[in-house]
Amino acid sequence: MLLNSFLQYIQYEKRYSAHTVQSYKTDLKQFAQFIKEQYDLGEYIEVQSTELRSWVVNLLQAGLAPSSIHRKISSLKSFYKFLRQRGHIKHDPLLNVYLPKKGERLPTVVEESRMDNLFERVKFPEGFEGLRDRLLIDLLYSTGMRRSELITLTWEDVDYANHSLRIRGKGNKMRIVPLLIPLEKFLLDYQSHFQEIFPEIDHPYVLVTDRGKVMYPKFVYNKVKKYLSTITTATKRGPHVLRHSFATHLSNHGAELNAIKDLLGHSSLASTQIYTHTSIENLKKVYAKAHPKAKKK
C-alpha cells in the first residue's frame, strides 16, 4: 500500500519522529476519506488539483486555522513528492493549489529577568530530584535543544574537554553547542550523584526519571510547566518556550542570525527569522514606554 510505504520511508529513511509520522498518517487518511466521500476516489494517484483545492476550501469552511491547513498540505506535498520519485505518478497535483495566508504569530518567550528568578529564587526539591529538575530546565534554556533532543542526550554526547555538547537533531543530524562553564560544573555535580544513586544503570541517557528510567515527553513537559508556572502566567509553558527564550535572548543581545540558526539546528534561515521579529517587537515596546513623543500619544 502506498501510504504504508511512505510512512515507512519517513520513519526509517528520513528518521522523522514518531509524533511527526503519526501527524502525516492522520492528515493523509483524512484526505483519503474526503476524496472517497466527495469524489468516490479510492486511490491517491487519481487525485488532481481540483480535488486538492476543494479540500482546502472544505477545511476553511470547517473553521480550521490557516497554519493547520498549511501543515496538512505540507504532509501531502511530501507524500506526492515520494510518489513521483517512486514513479507512481508523473504529475504534481499540488500545482495551482493556493493556500490561505497565515497570520504571523510571535513565539511565547519568558523574559530574561524571570528566567534569572527561576534559577536564583525558585526552590528546587532536595536530593537527586532537585538536581535533575534544575539540570533539565538549564539544558533546555542554555542550549536551545528540543524536548526530543534532551531525552536522547547521552553521556557520550558530553565533551568536558572541549566544553561542548553533541545534539542529535531532526533527521538524526548532529550539531555541536557550547557547554557553558556554570552549566558544566552543575552537570559534573549531577553526574556524581547519578553514578552514586544508579551505579548499574542499563542505558546511556543523561536525564532520567526518579527511578532511573529513560524520560518520556510528558515527563519533561510536566516538569517544565511546573517550574515555568512559578515565574510566568503565559498560556504556553512547555519545553519549546525555553527554546524560544534561548533564541530570542541571544538575538536581543546581538547574536548573528546564522549563529542562532546553527545553535538551534535549523536547516534554513527562514525558521530562525522569527526571532528577529521578536526582538523588533521588544524594541517597539521599549520605544513606546520611553520615547517622549510615544508617551504623548
C-alpha atoms as a PDB file:
ATOM      1  CA  MET A   1       0.000   0.000   0.000  1.00  0.00           C
ATOM      2  CA  LEU A   2       1.358   3.411  -0.975  1.00  0.00           C
ATOM      3  CA  LEU A   3       0.556   5.076   2.340  1.00  0.00           C
ATOM      4  CA  ASN A   4       2.343   2.400   4.371  1.00  0.00           C
ATOM      5  CA  SER A   5       5.376   2.569   2.084  1.00  0.00           C
ATOM      6  CA  PHE A   6       5.529   6.342   2.551  1.00  0.00           C
ATOM      7  CA  LEU A   7       5.187   6.125   6.331  1.00  0.00           C
ATOM      8  CA  GLN A   8       7.993   3.556   6.496  1.00  0.00           C
ATOM      9  CA  TYR A   9      10.121   5.809   4.292  1.00  0.00           C
ATOM     10  CA  ILE A  10       9.786   8.880   6.544  1.00  0.00           C
ATOM     11  CA  GLN A  11      10.214   6.802   9.687  1.00  0.00           C
ATOM     12  CA  TYR A  12      13.223   4.681   8.753  1.00  0.00           C
ATOM     13  CA  GLU A  13      14.950   6.568   5.947  1.00  0.00           C
ATOM     14  CA  LYS A  14      14.133  10.176   6.827  1.00  0.00           C
ATOM     15  CA  ARG A  15      14.164   9.337  10.558  1.00  0.00           C
ATOM     16  CA  TYR A  16      11.174  11.505  11.418  1.00  0.00           C
ATOM     17  CA  SER A  17       9.925  11.334  14.986  1.00  0.00           C
ATOM     18  CA  ALA A  18       7.032   9.063  15.910  1.00  0.00           C
ATOM     19  CA  HIS A  19       4.901  12.149  16.551  1.00  0.00           C
ATOM     20  CA  THR A  20       5.604  13.527  13.059  1.00  0.00           C
ATOM     21  CA  VAL A  21       4.899  10.180  11.399  1.00  0.00           C
ATOM     22  CA  GLN A  22       1.568   9.967  13.202  1.00  0.00           C
ATOM     23  CA  SER A  23       0.668  13.508  12.107  1.00  0.00           C
ATOM     24  CA  TYR A  24       1.408  12.656   8.459  1.00  0.00           C
ATOM     25  CA  LYS A  25      -0.652   9.484   8.760  1.00  0.00           C
ATOM     26  CA  THR A  26      -3.611  11.386  10.231  1.00  0.00           C
ATOM     27  CA  ASP A  27      -3.509  14.093   7.538  1.00  0.00           C
ATOM     28  CA  LEU A  28      -3.285  11.630   4.671  1.00  0.00           C
ATOM     29  CA  LYS A  29      -6.080   9.411   5.986  1.00  0.00           C
ATOM     30  CA  GLN A  30      -8.276  12.455   6.468  1.00  0.00           C
ATOM     31  CA  PHE A  31      -7.653  13.474   2.859  1.00  0.00           C
ATOM     32  CA  ALA A  32      -8.338   9.913   1.656  1.00  0.00           C
ATOM     33  CA  GLN A  33     -11.682   9.951   3.447  1.00  0.00           C
ATOM     34  CA  PHE A  34     -12.549  13.309   1.859  1.00  0.00           C
ATOM     35  CA  ILE A  35     -11.843  12.237  -1.738  1.00  0.00           C
ATOM     36  CA  LYS A  36     -13.710   8.979  -1.182  1.00  0.00           C
ATOM     37  CA  GLU A  37     -16.827  10.689   0.170  1.00  0.00           C
ATOM     38  CA  GLN A  38     -16.826  13.692  -2.173  1.00  0.00           C
ATOM     39  CA  TYR A  39     -15.447  12.263  -5.422  1.00  0.00           C
ATOM     40  CA  ASP A  40     -15.632   8.480  -4.972  1.00  0.00           C
ATOM     41  CA  LEU A  41     -11.864   8.225  -5.486  1.00  0.00           C
ATOM     42  CA  GLY A  42     -10.202   5.295  -3.816  1.00  0.00           C
ATOM     43  CA  GLU A  43      -6.597   5.944  -4.818  1.00  0.00           C
ATOM     44  CA  TYR A  44      -4.252   8.852  -4.069  1.00  0.00           C
ATOM     45  CA  ILE A  45      -2.767   8.571  -7.568  1.00  0.00           C
ATOM     46  CA  GLU A  46      -6.121   9.510  -9.138  1.00  0.00           C
ATOM     47  CA  VAL A  47      -6.146  12.934  -7.450  1.00  0.00           C
ATOM     48  CA  GLN A  48      -5.889  16.156  -9.470  1.00  0.00           C
ATOM     49  CA  SER A  49      -5.521  19.793  -8.433  1.00  0.00           C
ATOM     50  CA  THR A  50      -9.299  20.224  -8.419  1.00  0.00           C
ATOM     51  CA  GLU A  51      -9.777  17.762  -5.557  1.00  0.00           C
ATOM     52  CA  LEU A  52      -6.967  19.348  -3.553  1.00  0.00           C
ATOM     53  CA  ARG A  53      -8.334  22.861  -3.969  1.00  0.00           C
ATOM     54  CA  SER A  54     -11.731  21.570  -2.906  1.00  0.00           C
ATOM     55  CA  TRP A  55     -10.207  20.062   0.248  1.00  0.00           C
ATOM     56  CA  VAL A  56      -8.587  23.368   1.169  1.00  0.00           C
ATOM     57  CA  VAL A  57     -11.953  25.099   0.837  1.00  0.00           C
ATOM     58  CA  ASN A  58     -13.572  22.365   2.910  1.00  0.00           C
ATOM     59  CA  LEU A  59     -11.008  22.821   5.690  1.00  0.00           C
ATOM     60  CA  LEU A  60     -11.526  26.573   5.689  1.00  0.00           C
ATOM     61  CA  GLN A  61     -15.290  26.156   5.917  1.00  0.00           C
ATOM     62  CA  ALA A  62     -14.780  23.786   8.835  1.00  0.00           C
ATOM     63  CA  GLY A  63     -13.029  26.641  10.671  1.00  0.00           C
ATOM     64  CA  LEU A  64      -9.504  25.228  10.546  1.00  0.00           C
ATOM     65  CA  ALA A  65      -6.756  27.805  11.101  1.00  0.00           C
ATOM     66  CA  PRO A  66      -4.582  28.704   8.071  1.00  0.00           C
ATOM     67  CA  SER A  67      -1.482  27.413   9.880  1.00  0.00           C
ATOM     68  CA  SER A  68      -3.143  23.998  10.355  1.00  0.00           C
ATOM     69  CA  ILE A  69      -4.142  23.892   6.682  1.00  0.00           C
ATOM     70  CA  HIS A  70      -0.550  24.682   5.670  1.00  0.00           C
ATOM     71  CA  ARG A  71       0.657  21.783   7.824  1.00  0.00           C
ATOM     72  CA  LYS A  72      -1.788  19.332   6.256  1.00  0.00           C
ATOM     73  CA  ILE A  73      -0.856  20.419   2.735  1.00  0.00           C
ATOM     74  CA  SER A  74       2.809  20.076   3.689  1.00  0.00           C
ATOM     75  CA  SER A  75       2.107  16.423   4.526  1.00  0.00           C
ATOM     76  CA  LEU A  76       0.534  15.961   1.092  1.00  0.00           C
ATOM     77  CA  LYS A  77       3.459  17.681  -0.637  1.00  0.00           C
ATOM     78  CA  SER A  78       5.899  15.250   0.929  1.00  0.00           C
ATOM     79  CA  PHE A  79       3.668  12.302   0.053  1.00  0.00           C
ATOM     80  CA  TYR A  80       3.185  13.261  -3.600  1.00  0.00           C
ATOM     81  CA  LYS A  81       6.884  14.032  -3.974  1.00  0.00           C
ATOM     82  CA  PHE A  82       7.546  10.495  -2.718  1.00  0.00           C
ATOM     83  CA  LEU A  83       5.057   9.082  -5.260  1.00  0.00           C
ATOM     84  CA  ARG A  84       6.742  10.967  -8.116  1.00  0.00           C
ATOM     85  CA  GLN A  85      10.204   9.829  -7.062  1.00  0.00           C
ATOM     86  CA  ARG A  86       8.999   6.212  -6.969  1.00  0.00           C
ATOM     87  CA  GLY A  87       7.376   6.514 -10.394  1.00  0.00           C
ATOM     88  CA  HIS A  88       3.793   6.032  -9.235  1.00  0.00           C
ATOM     89  CA  ILE A  89       2.704   9.354 -10.760  1.00  0.00           C
ATOM     90  CA  LYS A  90       4.218  11.810 -13.236  1.00  0.00           C
ATOM     91  CA  HIS A  91       2.241  14.957 -12.443  1.00  0.00           C
ATOM     92  CA  ASP A  92       2.205  17.122  -9.322  1.00  0.00           C
ATOM     93  CA  PRO A  93      -1.422  17.579  -8.218  1.00  0.00           C
ATOM     94  CA  LEU A  94      -0.385  20.340  -5.830  1.00  0.00           C
ATOM     95  CA  LEU A  95       0.429  22.740  -8.651  1.00  0.00           C
ATOM     96  CA  ASN A  96      -2.017  25.641  -8.767  1.00  0.00           C
ATOM     97  CA  VAL A  97      -3.221  24.911  -5.224  1.00  0.00           C
ATOM     98  CA  TYR A  98      -3.188  28.187  -3.322  1.00  0.00           C
ATOM     99  CA  LEU A  99      -3.284  28.305   0.453  1.00  0.00           C
ATOM    100  CA  PRO A 100      -4.789  30.895   2.808  1.00  0.00           C
ATOM    101  CA  LYS A 101      -2.335  33.436   4.164  1.00  0.00           C
ATOM    102  CA  LYS A 102      -1.017  32.613   7.597  1.00  0.00           C
ATOM    103  CA  GLY A 103      -1.154  35.268  10.263  1.00  0.00           C
ATOM    104  CA  GLU A 104       2.266  35.851  11.792  1.00  0.00           C
ATOM    105  CA  ARG A 105       2.368  34.700  15.401  1.00  0.00           C
ATOM    106  CA  LEU A 106       5.326  35.533  17.560  1.00  0.00           C
ATOM    107  CA  PRO A 107       6.599  32.754  19.803  1.00  0.00           C
ATOM    108  CA  THR A 108       5.943  32.798  23.541  1.00  0.00           C
ATOM    109  CA  VAL A 109       9.065  33.950  25.356  1.00  0.00           C
ATOM    110  CA  VAL A 110       9.909  34.245  29.059  1.00  0.00           C
ATOM    111  CA  GLU A 111      11.627  37.500  29.998  1.00  0.00           C
ATOM    112  CA  GLU A 112      15.296  37.305  30.969  1.00  0.00           C
ATOM    113  CA  SER A 113      14.628  38.671  34.441  1.00  0.00           C
ATOM    114  CA  ARG A 114      12.055  35.961  35.046  1.00  0.00           C
ATOM    115  CA  MET A 115      14.485  33.241  33.934  1.00  0.00           C
ATOM    116  CA  ASP A 116      17.030  34.702  36.376  1.00  0.00           C
ATOM    117  CA  ASN A 117      14.418  34.436  39.115  1.00  0.00           C
ATOM    118  CA  LEU A 118      13.799  30.811  38.225  1.00  0.00           C
ATOM    119  CA  PHE A 119      17.428  29.841  38.752  1.00  0.00           C
ATOM    120  CA  GLU A 120      18.151  32.157  41.665  1.00  0.00           C
ATOM    121  CA  ARG A 121      14.968  32.207  43.751  1.00  0.00           C
ATOM    122  CA  VAL A 122      12.801  29.209  42.929  1.00  0.00           C
ATOM    123  CA  LYS A 123      13.434  26.377  45.350  1.00  0.00           C
ATOM    124  CA  PHE A 124      14.069  23.012  43.740  1.00  0.00           C
ATOM    125  CA  PRO A 125      13.496  19.775  45.728  1.00  0.00           C
ATOM    126  CA  GLU A 126      16.287  18.299  47.832  1.00  0.00           C
ATOM    127  CA  GLY A 127      18.491  15.485  46.579  1.00  0.00           C
ATOM    128  CA  PHE A 128      18.667  13.901  43.150  1.00  0.00           C
ATOM    129  CA  GLU A 129      15.203  15.032  42.045  1.00  0.00           C
ATOM    130  CA  GLY A 130      16.076  18.693  42.550  1.00  0.00           C
ATOM    131  CA  LEU A 131      19.425  18.345  40.763  1.00  0.00           C
ATOM    132  CA  ARG A 132      17.748  16.594  37.842  1.00  0.00           C
ATOM    133  CA  ASP A 133      14.920  19.119  37.586  1.00  0.00           C
ATOM    134  CA  ARG A 134      17.263  22.095  37.607  1.00  0.00           C
ATOM    135  CA  LEU A 135      19.569  20.484  35.038  1.00  0.00           C
ATOM    136  CA  LEU A 136      16.573  19.676  32.823  1.00  0.00           C
ATOM    137  CA  ILE A 137      15.478  23.327  32.787  1.00  0.00           C
ATOM    138  CA  ASP A 138      19.029  24.637  32.432  1.00  0.00           C
ATOM    139  CA  LEU A 139      19.892  22.407  29.475  1.00  0.00           C
ATOM    140  CA  LEU A 140      16.764  23.435  27.581  1.00  0.00           C
ATOM    141  CA  TYR A 141      17.322  27.143  28.220  1.00  0.00           C
ATOM    142  CA  SER A 142      21.119  27.262  27.903  1.00  0.00           C
ATOM    143  CA  THR A 143      21.398  25.203  24.713  1.00  0.00           C
ATOM    144  CA  GLY A 144      18.031  25.706  22.974  1.00  0.00           C
ATOM    145  CA  MET A 145      17.676  21.963  22.418  1.00  0.00           C
ATOM    146  CA  ARG A 146      14.305  20.408  21.675  1.00  0.00           C
ATOM    147  CA  ARG A 147      12.495  18.136  24.104  1.00  0.00           C
ATOM    148  CA  SER A 148      13.239  15.059  21.969  1.00  0.00           C
ATOM    149  CA  GLU A 149      16.909  16.035  21.828  1.00  0.00           C
ATOM    150  CA  LEU A 150      17.045  16.380  25.605  1.00  0.00           C
ATOM    151  CA  ILE A 151      15.543  12.934  26.107  1.00  0.00           C
ATOM    152  CA  THR A 152      18.090  11.280  23.775  1.00  0.00           C
ATOM    153  CA  LEU A 153      21.142  13.107  25.158  1.00  0.00           C
ATOM    154  CA  THR A 154      23.729  10.532  26.280  1.00  0.00           C
ATOM    155  CA  TRP A 155      26.861  10.763  28.397  1.00  0.00           C
ATOM    156  CA  GLU A 156      28.926  10.177  25.252  1.00  0.00           C
ATOM    157  CA  ASP A 157      27.473  13.419  23.888  1.00  0.00           C
ATOM    158  CA  VAL A 158      29.032  15.391  26.751  1.00  0.00           C
ATOM    159  CA  ASP A 159      32.526  16.622  25.875  1.00  0.00           C
ATOM    160  CA  TYR A 160      34.029  18.139  29.016  1.00  0.00           C
ATOM    161  CA  ALA A 161      37.437  18.577  27.348  1.00  0.00           C
ATOM    162  CA  ASN A 162      36.027  20.879  24.667  1.00  0.00           C
ATOM    163  CA  HIS A 163      33.216  22.315  26.819  1.00  0.00           C
ATOM    164  CA  SER A 164      30.537  21.251  24.358  1.00  0.00           C
ATOM    165  CA  LEU A 165      27.517  19.032  23.814  1.00  0.00           C
ATOM    166  CA  ARG A 166      26.695  16.929  20.762  1.00  0.00           C
ATOM    167  CA  ILE A 167      22.984  17.077  19.976  1.00  0.00           C
ATOM    168  CA  ARG A 168      21.056  14.705  17.705  1.00  0.00           C
ATOM    169  CA  GLY A 169      18.527  16.822  15.846  1.00  0.00           C
ATOM    170  CA  LYS A 170      15.745  16.143  13.372  1.00  0.00           C
ATOM    171  CA  GLY A 171      16.649  13.597  10.723  1.00  0.00           C
ATOM    172  CA  ASN A 172      19.449  12.385  13.012  1.00  0.00           C
ATOM    173  CA  LYS A 173      21.512  15.465  12.097  1.00  0.00           C
ATOM    174  CA  MET A 174      24.270  16.230  14.576  1.00  0.00           C
ATOM    175  CA  ARG A 175      25.282  19.653  15.846  1.00  0.00           C
ATOM    176  CA  ILE A 176      27.694  20.887  18.477  1.00  0.00           C
ATOM    177  CA  VAL A 177      26.685  23.533  21.020  1.00  0.00           C
ATOM    178  CA  PRO A 178      28.840  25.182  23.692  1.00  0.00           C
ATOM    179  CA  LEU A 179      28.610  23.923  27.261  1.00  0.00           C
ATOM    180  CA  LEU A 180      28.757  26.983  29.494  1.00  0.00           C
ATOM    181  CA  ILE A 181      31.136  26.665  32.456  1.00  0.00           C
ATOM    182  CA  PRO A 182      28.454  27.123  35.182  1.00  0.00           C
ATOM    183  CA  LEU A 183      26.264  24.519  33.467  1.00  0.00           C
ATOM    184  CA  GLU A 184      29.254  22.218  33.019  1.00  0.00           C
ATOM    185  CA  LYS A 185      30.050  22.375  36.750  1.00  0.00           C
ATOM    186  CA  PHE A 186      26.445  21.638  37.610  1.00  0.00           C
ATOM    187  CA  LEU A 187      26.417  18.749  35.139  1.00  0.00           C
ATOM    188  CA  LEU A 188      29.520  17.274  36.811  1.00  0.00           C
ATOM    189  CA  ASP A 189      27.837  17.520  40.211  1.00  0.00           C
ATOM    190  CA  TYR A 190      24.727  15.847  38.822  1.00  0.00           C
ATOM    191  CA  GLN A 191      26.812  13.090  37.203  1.00  0.00           C
ATOM    192  CA  SER A 192      28.480  12.346  40.538  1.00  0.00           C
ATOM    193  CA  HIS A 193      25.089  11.915  42.231  1.00  0.00           C
ATOM    194  CA  PHE A 194      23.785   9.982  39.229  1.00  0.00           C
ATOM    195  CA  GLN A 195      26.587   7.408  39.427  1.00  0.00           C
ATOM    196  CA  GLU A 196      26.144   7.063  43.175  1.00  0.00           C
ATOM    197  CA  ILE A 197      22.372   6.504  43.023  1.00  0.00           C
ATOM    198  CA  PHE A 198      22.287   4.415  39.812  1.00  0.00           C
ATOM    199  CA  PRO A 199      25.632   2.513  39.722  1.00  0.00           C
ATOM    200  CA  GLU A 200      24.383  -0.264  37.447  1.00  0.00           C
ATOM    201  CA  ILE A 201      22.037   1.619  35.113  1.00  0.00           C
ATOM    202  CA  ASP A 202      21.450  -0.175  31.807  1.00  0.00           C
ATOM    203  CA  HIS A 203      21.122   2.795  29.427  1.00  0.00           C
ATOM    204  CA  PRO A 204      23.380   5.705  28.388  1.00  0.00           C
ATOM    205  CA  TYR A 205      20.999   8.647  28.831  1.00  0.00           C
ATOM    206  CA  VAL A 206      21.880  11.696  30.913  1.00  0.00           C
ATOM    207  CA  LEU A 207      18.485  12.636  32.283  1.00  0.00           C
ATOM    208  CA  VAL A 208      16.310  10.003  33.926  1.00  0.00           C
ATOM    209  CA  THR A 209      13.148   9.647  35.972  1.00  0.00           C
ATOM    210  CA  ASP A 210      13.241   9.305  39.752  1.00  0.00           C
ATOM    211  CA  ARG A 211      13.656   5.543  39.285  1.00  0.00           C
ATOM    212  CA  GLY A 212      16.455   5.858  36.754  1.00  0.00           C
ATOM    213  CA  LYS A 213      14.313   5.068  33.722  1.00  0.00           C
ATOM    214  CA  VAL A 214      14.543   6.861  30.366  1.00  0.00           C
ATOM    215  CA  MET A 215      12.497  10.056  30.396  1.00  0.00           C
ATOM    216  CA  TYR A 216       9.422  10.393  28.182  1.00  0.00           C
ATOM    217  CA  PRO A 217       7.907  13.513  26.530  1.00  0.00           C
ATOM    218  CA  LYS A 218       5.064  14.029  29.040  1.00  0.00           C
ATOM    219  CA  PHE A 219       7.507  13.789  31.954  1.00  0.00           C
ATOM    220  CA  VAL A 220       9.631  16.616  30.517  1.00  0.00           C
ATOM    221  CA  TYR A 221       6.571  18.714  29.680  1.00  0.00           C
ATOM    222  CA  ASN A 222       5.150  18.410  33.194  1.00  0.00           C
ATOM    223  CA  LYS A 223       8.454  19.385  34.799  1.00  0.00           C
ATOM    224  CA  VAL A 224       8.900  22.461  32.594  1.00  0.00           C
ATOM    225  CA  LYS A 225       5.303  23.569  33.080  1.00  0.00           C
ATOM    226  CA  LYS A 226       5.629  23.168  36.854  1.00  0.00           C
ATOM    227  CA  TYR A 227       8.637  25.476  37.129  1.00  0.00           C
ATOM    228  CA  LEU A 228       7.604  27.993  34.474  1.00  0.00           C
ATOM    229  CA  SER A 229       4.291  28.347  36.296  1.00  0.00           C
ATOM    230  CA  THR A 230       6.192  29.831  39.225  1.00  0.00           C
ATOM    231  CA  ILE A 231       7.534  32.734  37.143  1.00  0.00           C
ATOM    232  CA  THR A 232       5.027  33.398  34.344  1.00  0.00           C
ATOM    233  CA  THR A 233       1.287  33.374  33.712  1.00  0.00           C
ATOM    234  CA  ALA A 234       1.709  32.824  29.962  1.00  0.00           C
ATOM    235  CA  THR A 235      -0.688  30.282  28.457  1.00  0.00           C
ATOM    236  CA  LYS A 236       2.137  28.307  26.859  1.00  0.00           C
ATOM    237  CA  ARG A 237       4.623  26.935  29.386  1.00  0.00           C
ATOM    238  CA  GLY A 238       6.084  23.893  27.674  1.00  0.00           C
ATOM    239  CA  PRO A 239       9.680  22.950  26.734  1.00  0.00           C
ATOM    240  CA  HIS A 240       9.535  24.825  23.418  1.00  0.00           C
ATOM    241  CA  VAL A 241       9.022  28.100  25.301  1.00  0.00           C
ATOM    242  CA  LEU A 242      12.533  27.674  26.719  1.00  0.00           C
ATOM    243  CA  ARG A 243      13.880  27.081  23.205  1.00  0.00           C
ATOM    244  CA  HIS A 244      12.138  30.255  22.005  1.00  0.00           C
ATOM    245  CA  SER A 245      13.501  32.158  25.015  1.00  0.00           C
ATOM    246  CA  PHE A 246      17.029  30.920  24.350  1.00  0.00           C
ATOM    247  CA  ALA A 247      16.953  32.138  20.731  1.00  0.00           C
ATOM    248  CA  THR A 248      15.202  35.425  21.495  1.00  0.00           C
ATOM    249  CA  HIS A 249      17.588  36.364  24.305  1.00  0.00           C
ATOM    250  CA  LEU A 250      20.548  35.640  22.026  1.00  0.00           C
ATOM    251  CA  SER A 251      19.019  37.877  19.352  1.00  0.00           C
ATOM    252  CA  ASN A 252      18.306  40.622  21.881  1.00  0.00           C
ATOM    253  CA  HIS A 253      21.992  40.662  22.835  1.00  0.00           C
ATOM    254  CA  GLY A 254      23.205  40.962  19.247  1.00  0.00           C
ATOM    255  CA  ALA A 255      23.895  37.364  18.217  1.00  0.00           C
ATOM    256  CA  GLU A 256      24.059  36.885  14.438  1.00  0.00           C
ATOM    257  CA  LEU A 257      21.092  35.131  12.887  1.00  0.00           C
ATOM    258  CA  ASN A 258      23.315  32.498  11.264  1.00  0.00           C
ATOM    259  CA  ALA A 259      24.822  31.624  14.641  1.00  0.00           C
ATOM    260  CA  ILE A 260      21.356  31.238  16.188  1.00  0.00           C
ATOM    261  CA  LYS A 261      20.333  29.082  13.213  1.00  0.00           C
ATOM    262  CA  ASP A 262      23.269  26.726  13.781  1.00  0.00           C
ATOM    263  CA  LEU A 263      22.692  26.531  17.532  1.00  0.00           C
ATOM    264  CA  LEU A 264      19.027  25.666  17.028  1.00  0.00           C
ATOM    265  CA  GLY A 265      19.758  23.153  14.280  1.00  0.00           C
ATOM    266  CA  HIS A 266      17.525  24.851  11.719  1.00  0.00           C
ATOM    267  CA  SER A 267      18.051  23.817   8.107  1.00  0.00           C
ATOM    268  CA  SER A 268      17.378  27.325   6.775  1.00  0.00           C
ATOM    269  CA  LEU A 269      17.266  30.913   7.982  1.00  0.00           C
ATOM    270  CA  ALA A 270      13.546  31.095   7.273  1.00  0.00           C
ATOM    271  CA  SER A 271      12.766  29.249  10.508  1.00  0.00           C
ATOM    272  CA  THR A 272      15.153  31.423  12.514  1.00  0.00           C
ATOM    273  CA  GLN A 273      13.909  34.745  11.138  1.00  0.00           C
ATOM    274  CA  ILE A 274      11.023  34.852  13.608  1.00  0.00           C
ATOM    275  CA  TYR A 275      13.418  35.684  16.452  1.00  0.00           C
ATOM    276  CA  THR A 276      14.488  38.877  14.687  1.00  0.00           C
ATOM    277  CA  HIS A 277      10.811  39.885  14.575  1.00  0.00           C
ATOM    278  CA  THR A 278      10.515  39.144  18.275  1.00  0.00           C
ATOM    279  CA  SER A 279      13.467  41.422  19.011  1.00  0.00           C
ATOM    280  CA  ILE A 280      11.900  44.192  16.944  1.00  0.00           C
ATOM    281  CA  GLU A 281       8.647  43.830  18.884  1.00  0.00           C
ATOM    282  CA  ASN A 282      10.591  44.187  22.135  1.00  0.00           C
ATOM    283  CA  LEU A 283      12.245  47.338  20.806  1.00  0.00           C
ATOM    284  CA  LYS A 284       8.829  48.753  19.928  1.00  0.00           C
ATOM    285  CA  LYS A 285       7.647  48.208  23.487  1.00  0.00           C
ATOM    286  CA  VAL A 286      10.746  49.925  24.892  1.00  0.00           C
ATOM    287  CA  TYR A 287      10.234  52.819  22.486  1.00  0.00           C
ATOM    288  CA  ALA A 288       6.566  53.149  23.418  1.00  0.00           C
ATOM    289  CA  LYS A 289       7.425  53.338  27.112  1.00  0.00           C
ATOM    290  CA  ALA A 290      10.496  55.538  26.920  1.00  0.00           C
ATOM    291  CA  HIS A 291      10.350  57.973  23.985  1.00  0.00           C
ATOM    292  CA  PRO A 292       8.780  61.377  24.831  1.00  0.00           C
ATOM    293  CA  LYS A 293       6.683  61.539  21.689  1.00  0.00           C
ATOM    294  CA  ALA A 294       5.473  57.986  22.147  1.00  0.00           C
ATOM    295  CA  LYS A 295       4.406  58.860  25.684  1.00  0.00           C
ATOM    296  CA  LYS A 296       2.450  61.895  24.490  1.00  0.00           C
ATOM    297  CA  LYS A 297       0.405  59.711  22.203  1.00  0.00           C
END
